PDB file of N, CA and C in Angstrom:
ATOM      1  N   MET A   1      15.784  -5.741   3.550  1.00  0.00           N
ATOM      2  CA  MET A   1      14.540  -5.397   3.676  1.00  0.00           C
ATOM      3  C   MET A   1      13.398  -6.772   3.680  1.00  0.00           C
ATOM      4  N   THR A   2      12.975  -7.072   4.383  1.00  0.00           N
ATOM      5  CA  THR A   2      12.148  -8.408   4.268  1.00  0.00           C
ATOM      6  C   THR A   2      10.829  -7.850   3.742  1.00  0.00           C
ATOM      7  N   THR A   3       9.702  -8.882   3.188  1.00  0.00           N
ATOM      8  CA  THR A   3       8.634  -8.387   2.596  1.00  0.00           C
ATOM      9  C   THR A   3       7.690  -7.784   3.622  1.00  0.00           C
ATOM     10  N   GLU A   4       7.875  -8.353   4.927  1.00  0.00           N
ATOM     11  CA  GLU A   4       7.102  -7.991   5.894  1.00  0.00           C
ATOM     12  C   GLU A   4       7.245  -6.516   5.871  1.00  0.00           C
ATOM     13  N   TYR A   5       8.613  -6.015   5.898  1.00  0.00           N
ATOM     14  CA  TYR A   5       8.763  -4.454   6.171  1.00  0.00           C
ATOM     15  C   TYR A   5       8.147  -4.064   5.214  1.00  0.00           C
ATOM     16  N   MET A   6       8.498  -4.225   3.840  1.00  0.00           N
ATOM     17  CA  MET A   6       7.412  -3.462   3.038  1.00  0.00           C
ATOM     18  C   MET A   6       6.173  -3.523   2.733  1.00  0.00           C
ATOM     19  N   ASP A   7       5.493  -4.340   3.445  1.00  0.00           N
ATOM     20  CA  ASP A   7       4.316  -4.554   3.616  1.00  0.00           C
ATOM     21  C   ASP A   7       3.764  -3.584   4.457  1.00  0.00           C
ATOM     22  N   TYR A   8       4.681  -3.422   5.769  1.00  0.00           N
ATOM     23  CA  TYR A   8       4.469  -2.501   6.708  1.00  0.00           C
ATOM     24  C   TYR A   8       4.716  -1.123   6.179  1.00  0.00           C
ATOM     25  N   LEU A   9       5.714  -0.500   5.440  1.00  0.00           N
ATOM     26  CA  LEU A   9       5.388   0.630   4.496  1.00  0.00           C
ATOM     27  C   LEU A   9       4.664   0.931   3.497  1.00  0.00           C
ATOM     28  N   THR A  10       4.216   0.184   3.129  1.00  0.00           N
ATOM     29  CA  THR A  10       2.782   0.100   2.186  1.00  0.00           C
ATOM     30  C   THR A  10       1.646   0.581   2.978  1.00  0.00           C
ATOM     31  N   GLU A  11       1.747   0.035   4.355  1.00  0.00           N
ATOM     32  CA  GLU A  11       0.424   0.440   5.125  1.00  0.00           C
ATOM     33  C   GLU A  11       0.608   1.858   5.610  1.00  0.00           C
ATOM     34  N   VAL A  12       1.990   2.257   6.335  1.00  0.00           N
ATOM     35  CA  VAL A  12       2.356   3.495   6.269  1.00  0.00           C
ATOM     36  C   VAL A  12       2.032   4.444   5.698  1.00  0.00           C
ATOM     37  N   PHE A  13       2.349   4.451   4.474  1.00  0.00           N
ATOM     38  CA  PHE A  13       2.106   5.165   3.416  1.00  0.00           C
ATOM     39  C   PHE A  13       0.324   5.183   2.773  1.00  0.00           C
ATOM     40  N   ARG A  14      -0.499   4.122   3.159  1.00  0.00           N
ATOM     41  CA  ARG A  14      -1.536   4.300   2.568  1.00  0.00           C
ATOM     42  C   ARG A  14      -2.257   5.518   2.470  1.00  0.00           C
ATOM     43  N   GLU A  15      -2.088   6.342   3.090  1.00  0.00           N
ATOM     44  CA  GLU A  15      -2.792   7.936   2.488  1.00  0.00           C
ATOM     45  C   GLU A  15      -1.999   8.585   1.769  1.00  0.00           C
ATOM     46  N   PHE A  16      -0.809   8.191   1.618  1.00  0.00           N
ATOM     47  CA  PHE A  16      -0.051   8.942   0.336  1.00  0.00           C
ATOM     48  C   PHE A  16      -0.353   8.463  -1.024  1.00  0.00           C
ATOM     49  N   GLY A  17      -0.230   6.986  -1.122  1.00  0.00           N
ATOM     50  CA  GLY A  17      -0.489   6.144  -2.427  1.00  0.00           C
ATOM     51  C   GLY A  17       0.383   4.995  -2.266  1.00  0.00           C
ATOM     52  N   TYR A  18       0.451   4.309  -3.434  1.00  0.00           N
ATOM     53  CA  TYR A  18       0.816   3.409  -3.601  1.00  0.00           C
ATOM     54  C   TYR A  18       2.487   3.505  -3.582  1.00  0.00           C
ATOM     55  N   VAL A  19       3.342   2.693  -2.810  1.00  0.00           N
ATOM     56  CA  VAL A  19       4.845   2.568  -3.094  1.00  0.00           C
ATOM     57  C   VAL A  19       5.430   1.411  -3.194  1.00  0.00           C
ATOM     58  N   THR A  20       6.437   1.307  -3.848  1.00  0.00           N
ATOM     59  CA  THR A  20       6.907  -0.006  -4.003  1.00  0.00           C
ATOM     60  C   THR A  20       8.626   0.279  -3.523  1.00  0.00           C
ATOM     61  N   ALA A  21       9.758  -0.923  -3.677  1.00  0.00           N
ATOM     62  CA  ALA A  21      10.767  -1.035  -3.420  1.00  0.00           C
ATOM     63  C   ALA A  21      11.796  -1.384  -4.157  1.00  0.00           C
ATOM     64  N   ARG A  22      13.019  -0.944  -4.309  1.00  0.00           N
ATOM     65  CA  ARG A  22      13.854  -1.661  -5.155  1.00  0.00           C
ATOM     66  C   ARG A  22      15.155  -1.678  -4.544  1.00  0.00           C
ATOM     67  N   ARG A  23      15.835  -2.924  -4.916  1.00  0.00           N
ATOM     68  CA  ARG A  23      17.307  -3.206  -4.168  1.00  0.00           C
ATOM     69  C   ARG A  23      18.079  -2.015  -5.004  1.00  0.00           C
ATOM     70  N   MET A  24      19.059  -1.723  -3.880  1.00  0.00           N
ATOM     71  CA  MET A  24      19.630  -0.514  -4.608  1.00  0.00           C
ATOM     72  C   MET A  24      21.338  -0.573  -3.482  1.00  0.00           C
ATOM     73  N   PHE A  25      22.606  -0.848  -3.703  1.00  0.00           N
ATOM     74  CA  PHE A  25      23.483  -0.409  -2.749  1.00  0.00           C
ATOM     75  C   PHE A  25      23.333  -1.024  -1.712  1.00  0.00           C
ATOM     76  N   GLY A  26      22.892  -2.247  -1.402  1.00  0.00           N
ATOM     77  CA  GLY A  26      22.893  -2.802  -0.234  1.00  0.00           C
ATOM     78  C   GLY A  26      21.588  -2.327   0.578  1.00  0.00           C
ATOM     79  N   GLY A  27      20.958  -1.279   0.100  1.00  0.00           N
ATOM     80  CA  GLY A  27      19.718  -1.097   0.634  1.00  0.00           C
ATOM     81  C   GLY A  27      18.564  -1.071  -0.121  1.00  0.00           C
ATOM     82  N   TYR A  28      17.578  -0.177  -0.046  1.00  0.00           N
ATOM     83  CA  TYR A  28      16.616  -0.344  -0.951  1.00  0.00           C
ATOM     84  C   TYR A  28      15.997   0.999  -1.345  1.00  0.00           C
ATOM     85  N   GLY A  29      15.486   1.409  -2.474  1.00  0.00           N
ATOM     86  CA  GLY A  29      14.945   2.789  -2.752  1.00  0.00           C
ATOM     87  C   GLY A  29      13.464   2.608  -2.659  1.00  0.00           C
ATOM     88  N   VAL A  30      12.603   3.632  -2.209  1.00  0.00           N
ATOM     89  CA  VAL A  30      11.611   3.183  -1.910  1.00  0.00           C
ATOM     90  C   VAL A  30      10.693   4.735  -2.842  1.00  0.00           C
ATOM     91  N   TYR A  31       9.841   3.778  -3.856  1.00  0.00           N
ATOM     92  CA  TYR A  31       9.513   4.778  -4.851  1.00  0.00           C
ATOM     93  C   TYR A  31       7.915   5.143  -4.925  1.00  0.00           C
ATOM     94  N   HIS A  32       7.381   6.055  -5.370  1.00  0.00           N
ATOM     95  CA  HIS A  32       5.817   6.383  -5.757  1.00  0.00           C
ATOM     96  C   HIS A  32       5.702   6.757  -7.038  1.00  0.00           C
ATOM     97  N   ASP A  33       4.943   6.454  -7.864  1.00  0.00           N
ATOM     98  CA  ASP A  33       4.749   6.953  -9.404  1.00  0.00           C
ATOM     99  C   ASP A  33       6.361   6.960 -10.211  1.00  0.00           C
ATOM    100  N   GLY A  34       7.199   6.112  -9.752  1.00  0.00           N
ATOM    101  CA  GLY A  34       8.562   5.734 -10.433  1.00  0.00           C
ATOM    102  C   GLY A  34       9.290   6.520 -10.006  1.00  0.00           C
ATOM    103  N   LEU A  35       9.405   7.368  -8.866  1.00  0.00           N
ATOM    104  CA  LEU A  35      10.439   8.309  -8.530  1.00  0.00           C
ATOM    105  C   LEU A  35      10.725   8.025  -7.039  1.00  0.00           C
ATOM    106  N   MET A  36      11.839   7.785  -7.005  1.00  0.00           N
ATOM    107  CA  MET A  36      12.191   7.608  -5.568  1.00  0.00           C
ATOM    108  C   MET A  36      12.307   8.510  -5.020  1.00  0.00           C
ATOM    109  N   PHE A  37      11.653   8.625  -3.498  1.00  0.00           N
ATOM    110  CA  PHE A  37      11.402   9.687  -2.490  1.00  0.00           C
ATOM    111  C   PHE A  37      11.988   8.906  -1.183  1.00  0.00           C
ATOM    112  N   GLY A  38      12.232   8.002  -1.006  1.00  0.00           N
ATOM    113  CA  GLY A  38      12.796   7.342   0.375  1.00  0.00           C
ATOM    114  C   GLY A  38      14.100   6.256  -0.040  1.00  0.00           C
ATOM    115  N   LEU A  39      14.229   5.886   1.249  1.00  0.00           N
ATOM    116  CA  LEU A  39      15.259   4.709   1.029  1.00  0.00           C
ATOM    117  C   LEU A  39      15.613   3.915   2.189  1.00  0.00           C
ATOM    118  N   VAL A  40      15.470   2.844   2.663  1.00  0.00           N
ATOM    119  CA  VAL A  40      15.883   2.149   3.443  1.00  0.00           C
ATOM    120  C   VAL A  40      17.191   1.630   3.641  1.00  0.00           C
ATOM    121  N   ALA A  41      17.621   1.771   4.660  1.00  0.00           N
ATOM    122  CA  ALA A  41      19.526   1.204   4.892  1.00  0.00           C
ATOM    123  C   ALA A  41      19.340   0.657   6.402  1.00  0.00           C
ATOM    124  N   ALA A  42      20.050  -0.363   6.791  1.00  0.00           N
ATOM    125  CA  ALA A  42      19.794  -0.830   7.979  1.00  0.00           C
ATOM    126  C   ALA A  42      18.652  -0.862   8.810  1.00  0.00           C
ATOM    127  N   ASP A  43      17.302  -1.128   8.277  1.00  0.00           N
ATOM    128  CA  ASP A  43      16.294  -1.391   8.618  1.00  0.00           C
ATOM    129  C   ASP A  43      16.001   0.200   9.067  1.00  0.00           C
ATOM    130  N   THR A  44      16.078   1.377   8.583  1.00  0.00           N
ATOM    131  CA  THR A  44      16.229   2.637   8.990  1.00  0.00           C
ATOM    132  C   THR A  44      15.228   3.301   7.649  1.00  0.00           C
ATOM    133  N   LEU A  45      14.282   4.032   7.672  1.00  0.00           N
ATOM    134  CA  LEU A  45      13.675   4.654   6.913  1.00  0.00           C
ATOM    135  C   LEU A  45      14.157   6.336   6.628  1.00  0.00           C
ATOM    136  N   TYR A  46      14.342   6.331   5.534  1.00  0.00           N
ATOM    137  CA  TYR A  46      15.041   7.855   5.091  1.00  0.00           C
ATOM    138  C   TYR A  46      14.178   8.567   4.145  1.00  0.00           C
ATOM    139  N   LEU A  47      13.953   9.996   4.244  1.00  0.00           N
ATOM    140  CA  LEU A  47      13.207  10.618   3.114  1.00  0.00           C
ATOM    141  C   LEU A  47      13.886  11.759   2.633  1.00  0.00           C
ATOM    142  N   LYS A  48      13.532  11.759   1.333  1.00  0.00           N
ATOM    143  CA  LYS A  48      14.146  12.909   0.256  1.00  0.00           C
ATOM    144  C   LYS A  48      14.203  14.265   1.080  1.00  0.00           C
ATOM    145  N   ALA A  49      15.201  14.909   1.059  1.00  0.00           N
ATOM    146  CA  ALA A  49      15.259  16.283   1.563  1.00  0.00           C
ATOM    147  C   ALA A  49      15.970  17.283   0.449  1.00  0.00           C
ATOM    148  N   ASP A  50      15.397  18.559   0.649  1.00  0.00           N
ATOM    149  CA  ASP A  50      16.373  19.593  -0.235  1.00  0.00           C
ATOM    150  C   ASP A  50      16.038  20.748   0.558  1.00  0.00           C
ATOM    151  N   ALA A  51      16.353  22.024   0.172  1.00  0.00           N
ATOM    152  CA  ALA A  51      16.477  23.331   0.610  1.00  0.00           C
ATOM    153  C   ALA A  51      14.867  23.441   0.880  1.00  0.00           C
ATOM    154  N   ALA A  52      13.912  23.062   0.179  1.00  0.00           N
ATOM    155  CA  ALA A  52      12.338  23.540   0.821  1.00  0.00           C
ATOM    156  C   ALA A  52      12.330  22.939   1.894  1.00  0.00           C
ATOM    157  N   ASN A  53      12.539  21.552   2.334  1.00  0.00           N
ATOM    158  CA  ASN A  53      11.917  20.733   3.347  1.00  0.00           C
ATOM    159  C   ASN A  53      13.446  20.357   4.353  1.00  0.00           C
ATOM    160  N   VAL A  54      14.436  20.703   4.300  1.00  0.00           N
ATOM    161  CA  VAL A  54      15.319  20.026   5.206  1.00  0.00           C
ATOM    162  C   VAL A  54      15.276  20.437   6.578  1.00  0.00           C
ATOM    163  N   ALA A  55      14.828  21.688   6.692  1.00  0.00           N
ATOM    164  CA  ALA A  55      14.850  22.297   7.975  1.00  0.00           C
ATOM    165  C   ALA A  55      13.577  21.466   9.022  1.00  0.00           C
ATOM    166  N   GLU A  56      12.770  20.818   8.296  1.00  0.00           N
ATOM    167  CA  GLU A  56      11.816  19.826   9.002  1.00  0.00           C
ATOM    168  C   GLU A  56      12.503  19.051   9.682  1.00  0.00           C
ATOM    169  N   PHE A  57      13.722  18.587   9.101  1.00  0.00           N
ATOM    170  CA  PHE A  57      14.196  17.219   9.594  1.00  0.00           C
ATOM    171  C   PHE A  57      14.822  17.752  10.516  1.00  0.00           C
ATOM    172  N   GLU A  58      15.731  19.031  10.321  1.00  0.00           N
ATOM    173  CA  GLU A  58      16.538  19.421  11.338  1.00  0.00           C
ATOM    174  C   GLU A  58      16.075  19.741  12.540  1.00  0.00           C
ATOM    175  N   GLN A  59      14.675  20.439  12.620  1.00  0.00           N
ATOM    176  CA  GLN A  59      14.153  20.802  13.740  1.00  0.00           C
ATOM    177  C   GLN A  59      13.733  19.493  14.432  1.00  0.00           C
ATOM    178  N   GLU A  60      13.516  18.401  13.867  1.00  0.00           N
ATOM    179  CA  GLU A  60      13.244  17.149  14.797  1.00  0.00           C
ATOM    180  C   GLU A  60      14.523  16.523  15.307  1.00  0.00           C
ATOM    181  N   GLY A  61      15.620  17.024  14.698  1.00  0.00           N
ATOM    182  CA  GLY A  61      16.845  16.480  15.297  1.00  0.00           C
ATOM    183  C   GLY A  61      17.285  15.199  14.368  1.00  0.00           C
ATOM    184  N   LEU A  62      16.687  15.029  12.987  1.00  0.00           N
ATOM    185  CA  LEU A  62      16.845  13.712  12.313  1.00  0.00           C
ATOM    186  C   LEU A  62      18.088  13.795  11.412  1.00  0.00           C
ATOM    187  N   PRO A  63      18.827  12.752  11.705  1.00  0.00           N
ATOM    188  CA  PRO A  63      20.239  12.777  10.780  1.00  0.00           C
ATOM    189  C   PRO A  63      19.949  12.393   9.623  1.00  0.00           C
ATOM    190  N   PRO A  64      20.926  12.862   8.607  1.00  0.00           N
ATOM    191  CA  PRO A  64      20.952  12.664   7.335  1.00  0.00           C
ATOM    192  C   PRO A  64      21.510  11.015   7.128  1.00  0.00           C
ATOM    193  N   PHE A  65      21.419  10.572   6.019  1.00  0.00           N
ATOM    194  CA  PHE A  65      21.962   9.164   5.471  1.00  0.00           C
ATOM    195  C   PHE A  65      23.353   9.383   5.257  1.00  0.00           C
ATOM    196  N   GLU A  66      24.147   8.621   6.016  1.00  0.00           N
ATOM    197  CA  GLU A  66      25.678   8.927   5.374  1.00  0.00           C
ATOM    198  C   GLU A  66      26.066   7.780   5.285  1.00  0.00           C
ATOM    199  N   PHE A  67      26.974   7.428   4.441  1.00  0.00           N
ATOM    200  CA  PHE A  67      27.986   6.186   4.256  1.00  0.00           C
ATOM    201  C   PHE A  67      29.201   6.387   4.188  1.00  0.00           C
ATOM    202  N   GLU A  68      30.243   5.232   4.316  1.00  0.00           N
ATOM    203  CA  GLU A  68      31.875   5.652   4.167  1.00  0.00           C
ATOM    204  C   GLU A  68      31.783   4.915   2.887  1.00  0.00           C
ATOM    205  N   ARG A  69      32.778   6.013   1.980  1.00  0.00           N
ATOM    206  CA  ARG A  69      33.319   5.817   0.659  1.00  0.00           C
ATOM    207  C   ARG A  69      34.750   6.039   0.694  1.00  0.00           C
ATOM    208  N   ASN A  70      35.770   5.010   0.656  1.00  0.00           N
ATOM    209  CA  ASN A  70      37.209   5.714   0.700  1.00  0.00           C
ATOM    210  C   ASN A  70      37.747   6.528   1.769  1.00  0.00           C
ATOM    211  N   GLY A  71      37.149   5.787   3.174  1.00  0.00           N
ATOM    212  CA  GLY A  71      37.526   6.301   4.125  1.00  0.00           C
ATOM    213  C   GLY A  71      37.004   7.895   4.452  1.00  0.00           C
ATOM    214  N   LYS A  72      36.003   8.190   3.784  1.00  0.00           N
ATOM    215  CA  LYS A  72      35.604   9.064   3.857  1.00  0.00           C
ATOM    216  C   LYS A  72      33.916   9.255   3.895  1.00  0.00           C
ATOM    217  N   LEU A  73      33.424  10.004   4.705  1.00  0.00           N
ATOM    218  CA  LEU A  73      31.934  10.107   5.326  1.00  0.00           C
ATOM    219  C   LEU A  73      30.987  10.984   4.342  1.00  0.00           C
ATOM    220  N   ILE A  74      30.037  10.057   3.458  1.00  0.00           N
ATOM    221  CA  ILE A  74      29.074  11.036   2.393  1.00  0.00           C
ATOM    222  C   ILE A  74      27.864  11.046   3.095  1.00  0.00           C
ATOM    223  N   ALA A  75      27.479  12.161   3.117  1.00  0.00           N
ATOM    224  CA  ALA A  75      26.150  12.536   3.506  1.00  0.00           C
ATOM    225  C   ALA A  75      25.140  12.568   2.168  1.00  0.00           C
ATOM    226  N   MET A  76      24.227  12.040   2.191  1.00  0.00           N
ATOM    227  CA  MET A  76      23.092  12.312   0.821  1.00  0.00           C
ATOM    228  C   MET A  76      22.047  12.819   1.178  1.00  0.00           C
ATOM    229  N   SER A  77      20.993  13.423   0.343  1.00  0.00           N
ATOM    230  CA  SER A  77      20.008  14.366   0.451  1.00  0.00           C
ATOM    231  C   SER A  77      18.939  13.268   1.036  1.00  0.00           C
ATOM    232  N   TYR A  78      19.112  12.551   1.962  1.00  0.00           N
ATOM    233  CA  TYR A  78      18.168  11.793   2.283  1.00  0.00           C
ATOM    234  C   TYR A  78      18.108  11.917   4.258  1.00  0.00           C
ATOM    235  N   TYR A  79      17.211  11.956   4.735  1.00  0.00           N
ATOM    236  CA  TYR A  79      17.124  12.320   6.427  1.00  0.00           C
ATOM    237  C   TYR A  79      16.129  11.253   6.799  1.00  0.00           C
ATOM    238  N   GLN A  80      16.402  10.729   8.036  1.00  0.00           N
ATOM    239  CA  GLN A  80      15.795   9.849   8.775  1.00  0.00           C
ATOM    240  C   GLN A  80      14.542   9.887   9.140  1.00  0.00           C
ATOM    241  N   ALA A  81      13.376   9.281   8.702  1.00  0.00           N
ATOM    242  CA  ALA A  81      11.978   9.692   9.039  1.00  0.00           C
ATOM    243  C   ALA A  81      11.661   9.764  10.130  1.00  0.00           C
ATOM    244  N   PRO A  82      10.589  10.655  10.626  1.00  0.00           N
ATOM    245  CA  PRO A  82      10.715  10.707  12.065  1.00  0.00           C
ATOM    246  C   PRO A  82       9.767   9.270  12.965  1.00  0.00           C
ATOM    247  N   ASP A  83       9.675   9.214  13.726  1.00  0.00           N
ATOM    248  CA  ASP A  83       9.155   7.925  14.305  1.00  0.00           C
ATOM    249  C   ASP A  83       7.612   8.135  14.287  1.00  0.00           C
ATOM    250  N   ALA A  84       7.229   9.166  14.329  1.00  0.00           N
ATOM    251  CA  ALA A  84       6.145   9.451  14.702  1.00  0.00           C
ATOM    252  C   ALA A  84       4.845   9.210  13.171  1.00  0.00           C
ATOM    253  N   ILE A  85       5.507   9.100  12.331  1.00  0.00           N
ATOM    254  CA  ILE A  85       4.823   8.773  10.989  1.00  0.00           C
ATOM    255  C   ILE A  85       4.354   7.439  10.774  1.00  0.00           C
ATOM    256  N   MET A  86       5.689   6.544  11.778  1.00  0.00           N
ATOM    257  CA  MET A  86       5.113   5.155  11.380  1.00  0.00           C
ATOM    258  C   MET A  86       3.881   4.865  12.087  1.00  0.00           C
ATOM    259  N   ASP A  87       2.921   5.601  12.952  1.00  0.00           N
ATOM    260  CA  ASP A  87       1.739   5.065  13.150  1.00  0.00           C
ATOM    261  C   ASP A  87       0.622   5.866  13.251  1.00  0.00           C
ATOM    262  N   ASP A  88       0.953   7.203  12.027  1.00  0.00           N
ATOM    263  CA  ASP A  88       0.141   8.130  11.596  1.00  0.00           C
ATOM    264  C   ASP A  88      -0.037   8.138  10.051  1.00  0.00           C
ATOM    265  N   PRO A  89      -0.720   7.490   9.372  1.00  0.00           N
ATOM    266  CA  PRO A  89      -0.676   7.500   8.133  1.00  0.00           C
ATOM    267  C   PRO A  89      -1.011   8.902   7.485  1.00  0.00           C
ATOM    268  N   GLU A  90      -1.911   9.779   8.255  1.00  0.00           N
ATOM    269  CA  GLU A  90      -2.080  10.901   7.887  1.00  0.00           C
ATOM    270  C   GLU A  90      -0.644  11.897   7.791  1.00  0.00           C
ATOM    271  N   LEU A  91      -0.025  11.942   8.835  1.00  0.00           N
ATOM    272  CA  LEU A  91       1.338  12.372   9.324  1.00  0.00           C
ATOM    273  C   LEU A  91       2.475  11.742   7.951  1.00  0.00           C
ATOM    274  N   ALA A  92       2.087  10.729   8.045  1.00  0.00           N
ATOM    275  CA  ALA A  92       3.278   9.779   6.824  1.00  0.00           C
ATOM    276  C   ALA A  92       2.856  10.538   5.467  1.00  0.00           C
ATOM    277  N   ALA A  93       1.467  10.948   5.140  1.00  0.00           N
ATOM    278  CA  ALA A  93       1.434  11.430   3.800  1.00  0.00           C
ATOM    279  C   ALA A  93       2.056  12.612   3.535  1.00  0.00           C
ATOM    280  N   GLU A  94       2.017  13.365   4.826  1.00  0.00           N
ATOM    281  CA  GLU A  94       2.499  14.825   4.579  1.00  0.00           C
ATOM    282  C   GLU A  94       3.938  14.793   4.432  1.00  0.00           C
ATOM    283  N   TRP A  95       4.579  14.103   5.380  1.00  0.00           N
ATOM    284  CA  TRP A  95       6.308  13.974   5.253  1.00  0.00           C
ATOM    285  C   TRP A  95       6.521  13.169   3.901  1.00  0.00           C
ATOM    286  N   ALA A  96       5.773  12.284   3.403  1.00  0.00           N
ATOM    287  CA  ALA A  96       6.035  11.772   2.031  1.00  0.00           C
ATOM    288  C   ALA A  96       5.733  12.416   0.708  1.00  0.00           C
ATOM    289  N   GLN A  97       5.004  13.531   1.032  1.00  0.00           N
ATOM    290  CA  GLN A  97       4.523  14.167   0.134  1.00  0.00           C
ATOM    291  C   GLN A  97       5.754  15.521  -0.273  1.00  0.00           C
ATOM    292  N   ARG A  98       6.319  16.097   0.831  1.00  0.00           N
ATOM    293  CA  ARG A  98       7.140  16.891   1.123  1.00  0.00           C
ATOM    294  C   ARG A  98       8.538  15.980   0.330  1.00  0.00           C
ATOM    295  N   SER A  99       8.809  14.954   0.597  1.00  0.00           N
ATOM    296  CA  SER A  99       9.631  14.297   0.107  1.00  0.00           C
ATOM    297  C   SER A  99       9.666  13.937  -1.385  1.00  0.00           C
ATOM    298  N   PHE A 100       8.469  13.528  -1.856  1.00  0.00           N
ATOM    299  CA  PHE A 100       8.305  13.511  -3.190  1.00  0.00           C
ATOM    300  C   PHE A 100       8.452  14.435  -3.975  1.00  0.00           C
ATOM    301  N   ASP A 101       7.776  15.644  -3.446  1.00  0.00           N
ATOM    302  CA  ASP A 101       7.995  17.311  -3.883  1.00  0.00           C
ATOM    303  C   ASP A 101       9.741  17.335  -4.153  1.00  0.00           C
ATOM    304  N   ALA A 102      10.330  16.965  -3.451  1.00  0.00           N
ATOM    305  CA  ALA A 102      11.840  17.345  -3.145  1.00  0.00           C
ATOM    306  C   ALA A 102      12.501  16.249  -4.319  1.00  0.00           C
ATOM    307  N   ALA A 103      12.233  15.304  -4.544  1.00  0.00           N
ATOM    308  CA  ALA A 103      12.612  14.341  -5.309  1.00  0.00           C
ATOM    309  C   ALA A 103      12.038  14.770  -6.961  1.00  0.00           C
ATOM    310  N   ARG A 104      11.084  15.236  -7.246  1.00  0.00           N
ATOM    311  CA  ARG A 104      10.581  16.123  -8.387  1.00  0.00           C
ATOM    312  C   ARG A 104      11.354  17.050  -8.559  1.00  0.00           C
ATOM    313  N   ARG A 105      11.719  17.984  -7.625  1.00  0.00           N
ATOM    314  CA  ARG A 105      12.259  19.139  -7.846  1.00  0.00           C
ATOM    315  C   ARG A 105      14.240  18.747  -8.187  1.00  0.00           C
ATOM    316  N   ALA A 106      14.358  17.617  -7.635  1.00  0.00           N
ATOM    317  CA  ALA A 106      15.719  17.132  -8.161  1.00  0.00           C
ATOM    318  C   ALA A 106      15.818  16.587  -9.442  1.00  0.00           C
ATOM    319  N   ARG A 107      14.783  16.137  -9.794  1.00  0.00           N
ATOM    320  CA  ARG A 107      14.638  15.339 -11.041  1.00  0.00           C
ATOM    321  C   ARG A 107      14.645  16.499 -12.250  1.00  0.00           C
ATOM    322  N   GLN A 108      14.040  17.677 -11.974  1.00  0.00           N
ATOM    323  CA  GLN A 108      13.910  18.713 -12.728  1.00  0.00           C
ATOM    324  C   GLN A 108      15.182  19.749 -12.959  1.00  0.00           C
ATOM    325  N   ALA A 109      15.989  19.692 -11.811  1.00  0.00           N
ATOM    326  CA  ALA A 109      17.454  20.635 -11.521  1.00  0.00           C
ATOM    327  C   ALA A 109      18.222  20.046 -12.839  1.00  0.00           C
ATOM    328  N   PRO A 110      18.791  21.135 -13.212  1.00  0.00           N
ATOM    329  CA  PRO A 110      20.027  20.948 -14.191  1.00  0.00           C
ATOM    330  C   PRO A 110      20.947  20.094 -13.600  1.00  0.00           C
ATOM    331  N   ALA A 111      21.430  19.024 -13.726  1.00  0.00           N
ATOM    332  CA  ALA A 111      22.215  18.339 -13.388  1.00  0.00           C
ATOM    333  C   ALA A 111      23.822  18.728 -13.022  1.00  0.00           C
ATOM    334  N   LYS A 112      24.408  18.753 -12.261  1.00  0.00           N
ATOM    335  CA  LYS A 112      25.843  19.446 -11.554  1.00  0.00           C
ATOM    336  C   LYS A 112      26.697  18.389 -12.264  1.00  0.00           C
ATOM    337  N   ARG A 113      27.767  19.077 -12.915  1.00  0.00           N
ATOM    338  CA  ARG A 113      28.796  18.450 -13.390  1.00  0.00           C
ATOM    339  C   ARG A 113      30.033  18.720 -12.628  1.00  0.00           C
ATOM    340  N   SER A 114      30.916  17.799 -12.404  1.00  0.00           N
ATOM    341  CA  SER A 114      32.031  17.871 -11.330  1.00  0.00           C
ATOM    342  C   SER A 114      33.203  17.756 -12.652  1.00  0.00           C
ATOM    343  N   ALA A 115      34.522  18.307 -11.933  1.00  0.00           N
ATOM    344  CA  ALA A 115      35.680  18.350 -12.955  1.00  0.00           C
ATOM    345  C   ALA A 115      35.944  17.312 -13.589  1.00  0.00           C
ATOM    346  N   ASN A 116      35.743  16.325 -12.754  1.00  0.00           N
ATOM    347  CA  ASN A 116      36.278  14.701 -13.601  1.00  0.00           C
ATOM    348  C   ASN A 116      35.047  14.529 -14.627  1.00  0.00           C
ATOM    349  N   SER A 117      34.166  14.803 -14.508  1.00  0.00           N
ATOM    350  CA  SER A 117      32.582  14.302 -15.529  1.00  0.00           C
ATOM    351  C   SER A 117      33.316  14.397 -16.806  1.00  0.00           C
ATOM    352  N   PRO A 118      33.174  13.113 -17.723  1.00  0.00           N
ATOM    353  CA  PRO A 118      33.446  13.454 -19.255  1.00  0.00           C
ATOM    354  C   PRO A 118      32.514  14.392 -19.555  1.00  0.00           C
ATOM    355  N   THR A 119      33.233  14.790 -20.785  1.00  0.00           N
ATOM    356  CA  THR A 119      32.269  15.880 -21.444  1.00  0.00           C
ATOM    357  C   THR A 119      31.603  14.853 -22.572  1.00  0.00           C
ATOM    358  N   LEU A 120      30.186  15.246 -22.796  1.00  0.00           N
ATOM    359  CA  LEU A 120      29.720  14.288 -23.609  1.00  0.00           C
ATOM    360  C   LEU A 120      29.467  15.156 -24.938  1.00  0.00           C
ATOM    361  N   ARG A 121      29.583  14.469 -26.303  1.00  0.00           N
ATOM    362  CA  ARG A 121      29.606  15.319 -27.364  1.00  0.00           C
ATOM    363  C   ARG A 121      28.579  14.754 -28.425  1.00  0.00           C
TER     364      ARG A 121
END
């Protein structure tokens, strides 16, 4: 992601509030108040989704962020942001707030442990 693109996202989300980006896994996490609510991969913005807001992404026909690992396609709880938010800071603020709320809920949820997770003592 270029500095110009981050400047652009700062403008897109101006009604929502101050956002920053941090490099991660070949892309960037998009943060507000220290909490990641979006990500940028391959010059595409994705926003956090959960049970409370995923239907809005699906209604718009927006795909989830997916990547391949060990020959398997992995979908994450981030969905492509609607194009309409890029030119409408008020709409961008609404979508960002819902995604930020999803990120807050995810942070508060108890961590799921897989069968391969080590037990901490």
